[in-house]
């Protein structure tokens, strides 16, 4: 399984493979079980609300289409994931990113992200798919 960070998921749904690194595209072709943390739906909604993301549909419709038509699974945010997010190394304080990282760890999944801070997490060693 590959957990897609929010920006990877949005870019992939909107523009296909063209905005993704070859490493990420190759991994996604080999492991077709793709997922997001449910927190990514909140991040997309916030980005759109704040005018930092323009979507071709209403957010509600885009989220539905982006999950149903892509085969991407939305993984729930559980108490175990929340606890893991809090106990991660204190690299940065973005709770959504910490939840996404914890999700990939607890599902024993790779994490596709180009976030420049993620490589600093020792917990992601051998798990991170970046540039």
C-alpha atoms as a PDB file:
ATOM      1  CA  UNK A   1       0.000   0.000   0.000  1.00  0.00           C
ATOM      2  CA  UNK A   2       1.101   3.560  -0.701  1.00  0.00           C
ATOM      3  CA  UNK A   3      -0.341   6.426   1.337  1.00  0.00           C
ATOM      4  CA  UNK A   4      -0.437   9.593  -0.757  1.00  0.00           C
ATOM      5  CA  UNK A   5       0.304  12.873   0.960  1.00  0.00           C
ATOM      6  CA  UNK A   6      -2.406  15.430   0.246  1.00  0.00           C
ATOM      7  CA  UNK A   7      -0.413  17.387  -2.362  1.00  0.00           C
ATOM      8  CA  UNK A   8       0.500  14.197  -4.246  1.00  0.00           C
ATOM      9  CA  UNK A   9      -3.129  13.048  -4.271  1.00  0.00           C
ATOM     10  CA  UNK A  10      -4.446  16.409  -5.519  1.00  0.00           C
ATOM     11  CA  UNK A  11      -1.775  16.752  -8.229  1.00  0.00           C
ATOM     12  CA  UNK A  12      -2.340  13.192  -9.402  1.00  0.00           C
ATOM     13  CA  UNK A  13      -6.128  13.520  -9.583  1.00  0.00           C
ATOM     14  CA  UNK A  14      -6.009  16.900 -11.351  1.00  0.00           C
ATOM     15  CA  UNK A  15      -2.979  16.500 -13.658  1.00  0.00           C
ATOM     16  CA  UNK A  16      -2.244  12.786 -13.780  1.00  0.00           C
ATOM     17  CA  UNK A  17       1.363  11.641 -13.622  1.00  0.00           C
ATOM     18  CA  UNK A  18       2.876  14.758 -15.218  1.00  0.00           C
ATOM     19  CA  UNK A  19       3.483  16.623 -11.929  1.00  0.00           C
ATOM     20  CA  UNK A  20       4.831  13.603 -10.029  1.00  0.00           C
ATOM     21  CA  UNK A  21       8.407  12.363  -9.824  1.00  0.00           C
ATOM     22  CA  UNK A  22       9.365   9.271 -11.806  1.00  0.00           C
ATOM     23  CA  UNK A  23      10.092   7.503  -8.513  1.00  0.00           C
ATOM     24  CA  UNK A  24       6.561   8.096  -7.225  1.00  0.00           C
ATOM     25  CA  UNK A  25       4.897   7.224 -10.552  1.00  0.00           C
ATOM     26  CA  UNK A  26       6.898   3.990 -10.808  1.00  0.00           C
ATOM     27  CA  UNK A  27       5.984   3.003  -7.239  1.00  0.00           C
ATOM     28  CA  UNK A  28       2.300   3.763  -7.891  1.00  0.00           C
ATOM     29  CA  UNK A  29       2.372   1.567 -11.004  1.00  0.00           C
ATOM     30  CA  UNK A  30       3.896  -1.341  -9.073  1.00  0.00           C
ATOM     31  CA  UNK A  31       1.668  -1.051  -5.990  1.00  0.00           C
ATOM     32  CA  UNK A  32      -1.824  -0.174  -7.115  1.00  0.00           C
ATOM     33  CA  UNK A  33      -3.264  -0.156  -3.570  1.00  0.00           C
ATOM     34  CA  UNK A  34      -3.318   3.614  -3.075  1.00  0.00           C
ATOM     35  CA  UNK A  35      -4.749   5.351  -0.041  1.00  0.00           C
ATOM     36  CA  UNK A  36      -5.002   8.667   1.726  1.00  0.00           C
ATOM     37  CA  UNK A  37      -5.586   9.559   5.321  1.00  0.00           C
ATOM     38  CA  UNK A  38      -9.085  10.974   5.819  1.00  0.00           C
ATOM     39  CA  UNK A  39      -7.331  14.098   7.133  1.00  0.00           C
ATOM     40  CA  UNK A  40      -6.388  14.847   3.508  1.00  0.00           C
ATOM     41  CA  UNK A  41     -10.071  15.517   2.791  1.00  0.00           C
ATOM     42  CA  UNK A  42     -10.018  18.188   5.488  1.00  0.00           C
ATOM     43  CA  UNK A  43      -6.825  19.671   4.059  1.00  0.00           C
ATOM     44  CA  UNK A  44      -8.328  19.872   0.550  1.00  0.00           C
ATOM     45  CA  UNK A  45     -11.459  21.516   1.952  1.00  0.00           C
ATOM     46  CA  UNK A  46      -9.399  24.075   3.887  1.00  0.00           C
ATOM     47  CA  UNK A  47      -7.146  24.852   0.916  1.00  0.00           C
ATOM     48  CA  UNK A  48     -10.176  25.463  -1.283  1.00  0.00           C
ATOM     49  CA  UNK A  49     -11.943  27.554   1.364  1.00  0.00           C
ATOM     50  CA  UNK A  50      -8.852  29.745   1.797  1.00  0.00           C
ATOM     51  CA  UNK A  51      -8.474  30.236  -1.959  1.00  0.00           C
ATOM     52  CA  UNK A  52      -5.195  28.295  -2.167  1.00  0.00           C
ATOM     53  CA  UNK A  53      -6.682  25.569  -4.363  1.00  0.00           C
ATOM     54  CA  UNK A  54      -9.110  25.836  -7.237  1.00  0.00           C
ATOM     55  CA  UNK A  55     -11.060  22.727  -8.092  1.00  0.00           C
ATOM     56  CA  UNK A  56     -13.133  22.032 -11.215  1.00  0.00           C
ATOM     57  CA  UNK A  57     -16.094  20.961  -9.039  1.00  0.00           C
ATOM     58  CA  UNK A  58     -17.494  21.847  -5.636  1.00  0.00           C
ATOM     59  CA  UNK A  59     -15.258  20.466  -2.880  1.00  0.00           C
ATOM     60  CA  UNK A  60     -17.898  17.940  -1.860  1.00  0.00           C
ATOM     61  CA  UNK A  61     -18.238  16.646  -5.424  1.00  0.00           C
ATOM     62  CA  UNK A  62     -14.471  16.729  -6.050  1.00  0.00           C
ATOM     63  CA  UNK A  63     -13.756  14.649  -2.942  1.00  0.00           C
ATOM     64  CA  UNK A  64     -16.384  12.103  -3.943  1.00  0.00           C
ATOM     65  CA  UNK A  65     -15.054  11.865  -7.508  1.00  0.00           C
ATOM     66  CA  UNK A  66     -11.406  11.841  -6.383  1.00  0.00           C
ATOM     67  CA  UNK A  67     -12.039   8.789  -4.231  1.00  0.00           C
ATOM     68  CA  UNK A  68     -14.665   6.810  -6.134  1.00  0.00           C
ATOM     69  CA  UNK A  69     -13.232   7.164  -9.626  1.00  0.00           C
ATOM     70  CA  UNK A  70      -9.544   6.788  -8.765  1.00  0.00           C
ATOM     71  CA  UNK A  71      -9.647   3.680  -6.624  1.00  0.00           C
ATOM     72  CA  UNK A  72      -7.907   5.564  -3.814  1.00  0.00           C
ATOM     73  CA  UNK A  73      -9.011   4.360  -0.391  1.00  0.00           C
ATOM     74  CA  UNK A  74      -9.688   6.794   2.429  1.00  0.00           C
ATOM     75  CA  UNK A  75      -8.199   5.443   5.655  1.00  0.00           C
ATOM     76  CA  UNK A  76      -9.913   6.487   8.890  1.00  0.00           C
ATOM     77  CA  UNK A  77      -8.214   8.565  11.555  1.00  0.00           C
ATOM     78  CA  UNK A  78      -8.255   6.275  14.587  1.00  0.00           C
ATOM     79  CA  UNK A  79      -7.238   6.698  18.218  1.00  0.00           C
ATOM     80  CA  UNK A  80      -4.164   4.578  17.532  1.00  0.00           C
ATOM     81  CA  UNK A  81      -3.166   6.839  14.628  1.00  0.00           C
ATOM     82  CA  UNK A  82      -3.727   9.947  16.739  1.00  0.00           C
ATOM     83  CA  UNK A  83      -1.548   8.550  19.527  1.00  0.00           C
ATOM     84  CA  UNK A  84       1.201   7.646  17.056  1.00  0.00           C
ATOM     85  CA  UNK A  85       1.017  11.151  15.544  1.00  0.00           C
ATOM     86  CA  UNK A  86       1.668  12.660  18.979  1.00  0.00           C
ATOM     87  CA  UNK A  87       4.567  10.325  19.757  1.00  0.00           C
ATOM     88  CA  UNK A  88       6.470  10.958  16.501  1.00  0.00           C
ATOM     89  CA  UNK A  89       9.772  12.807  16.641  1.00  0.00           C
ATOM     90  CA  UNK A  90       9.276  16.530  17.223  1.00  0.00           C
ATOM     91  CA  UNK A  91      10.294  17.592  13.730  1.00  0.00           C
ATOM     92  CA  UNK A  92       7.433  19.990  13.047  1.00  0.00           C
ATOM     93  CA  UNK A  93       4.028  20.748  14.466  1.00  0.00           C
ATOM     94  CA  UNK A  94       1.630  20.378  11.525  1.00  0.00           C
ATOM     95  CA  UNK A  95      -0.979  17.985  12.952  1.00  0.00           C
ATOM     96  CA  UNK A  96      -2.302  16.911   9.533  1.00  0.00           C
ATOM     97  CA  UNK A  97       1.176  15.930   8.349  1.00  0.00           C
ATOM     98  CA  UNK A  98       1.812  14.065  11.575  1.00  0.00           C
ATOM     99  CA  UNK A  99      -1.463  12.159  11.112  1.00  0.00           C
ATOM    100  CA  UNK A 100      -0.538  11.269   7.521  1.00  0.00           C
ATOM    101  CA  UNK A 101       2.887  10.023   8.653  1.00  0.00           C
ATOM    102  CA  UNK A 102       1.358   8.010  11.501  1.00  0.00           C
ATOM    103  CA  UNK A 103      -1.160   6.499   9.095  1.00  0.00           C
ATOM    104  CA  UNK A 104       1.571   5.244   6.780  1.00  0.00           C
ATOM    105  CA  UNK A 105       3.508   3.777   9.712  1.00  0.00           C
ATOM    106  CA  UNK A 106       0.568   1.981  11.303  1.00  0.00           C
ATOM    107  CA  UNK A 107      -0.596   0.577   7.964  1.00  0.00           C
ATOM    108  CA  UNK A 108       3.008  -0.450   7.222  1.00  0.00           C
ATOM    109  CA  UNK A 109       2.744   1.459   3.951  1.00  0.00           C
ATOM    110  CA  UNK A 110       5.050   3.554   1.825  1.00  0.00           C
ATOM    111  CA  UNK A 111       4.402   7.298   1.928  1.00  0.00           C
ATOM    112  CA  UNK A 112       4.466   9.355  -1.276  1.00  0.00           C
ATOM    113  CA  UNK A 113       5.389  12.937  -0.437  1.00  0.00           C
ATOM    114  CA  UNK A 114       7.762  15.659  -1.545  1.00  0.00           C
ATOM    115  CA  UNK A 115       7.400  17.576   1.717  1.00  0.00           C
ATOM    116  CA  UNK A 116      10.934  18.788   2.486  1.00  0.00           C
ATOM    117  CA  UNK A 117      10.509  18.113   6.218  1.00  0.00           C
ATOM    118  CA  UNK A 118       9.431  14.463   5.964  1.00  0.00           C
ATOM    119  CA  UNK A 119      12.942  13.034   5.341  1.00  0.00           C
ATOM    120  CA  UNK A 120      13.901  14.322   8.806  1.00  0.00           C
ATOM    121  CA  UNK A 121      11.568  11.809  10.473  1.00  0.00           C
ATOM    122  CA  UNK A 122      13.596   8.746  11.427  1.00  0.00           C
ATOM    123  CA  UNK A 123      10.283   6.880  11.608  1.00  0.00           C
ATOM    124  CA  UNK A 124       9.948   7.222   7.803  1.00  0.00           C
ATOM    125  CA  UNK A 125      13.327   5.676   7.009  1.00  0.00           C
ATOM    126  CA  UNK A 126      12.885   3.158   4.194  1.00  0.00           C
ATOM    127  CA  UNK A 127       9.230   4.138   3.804  1.00  0.00           C
ATOM    128  CA  UNK A 128       9.326   7.546   2.096  1.00  0.00           C
ATOM    129  CA  UNK A 129       8.858   7.910  -1.656  1.00  0.00           C
ATOM    130  CA  UNK A 130       9.986  11.399  -2.633  1.00  0.00           C
ATOM    131  CA  UNK A 131      11.669  13.139  -5.514  1.00  0.00           C
END
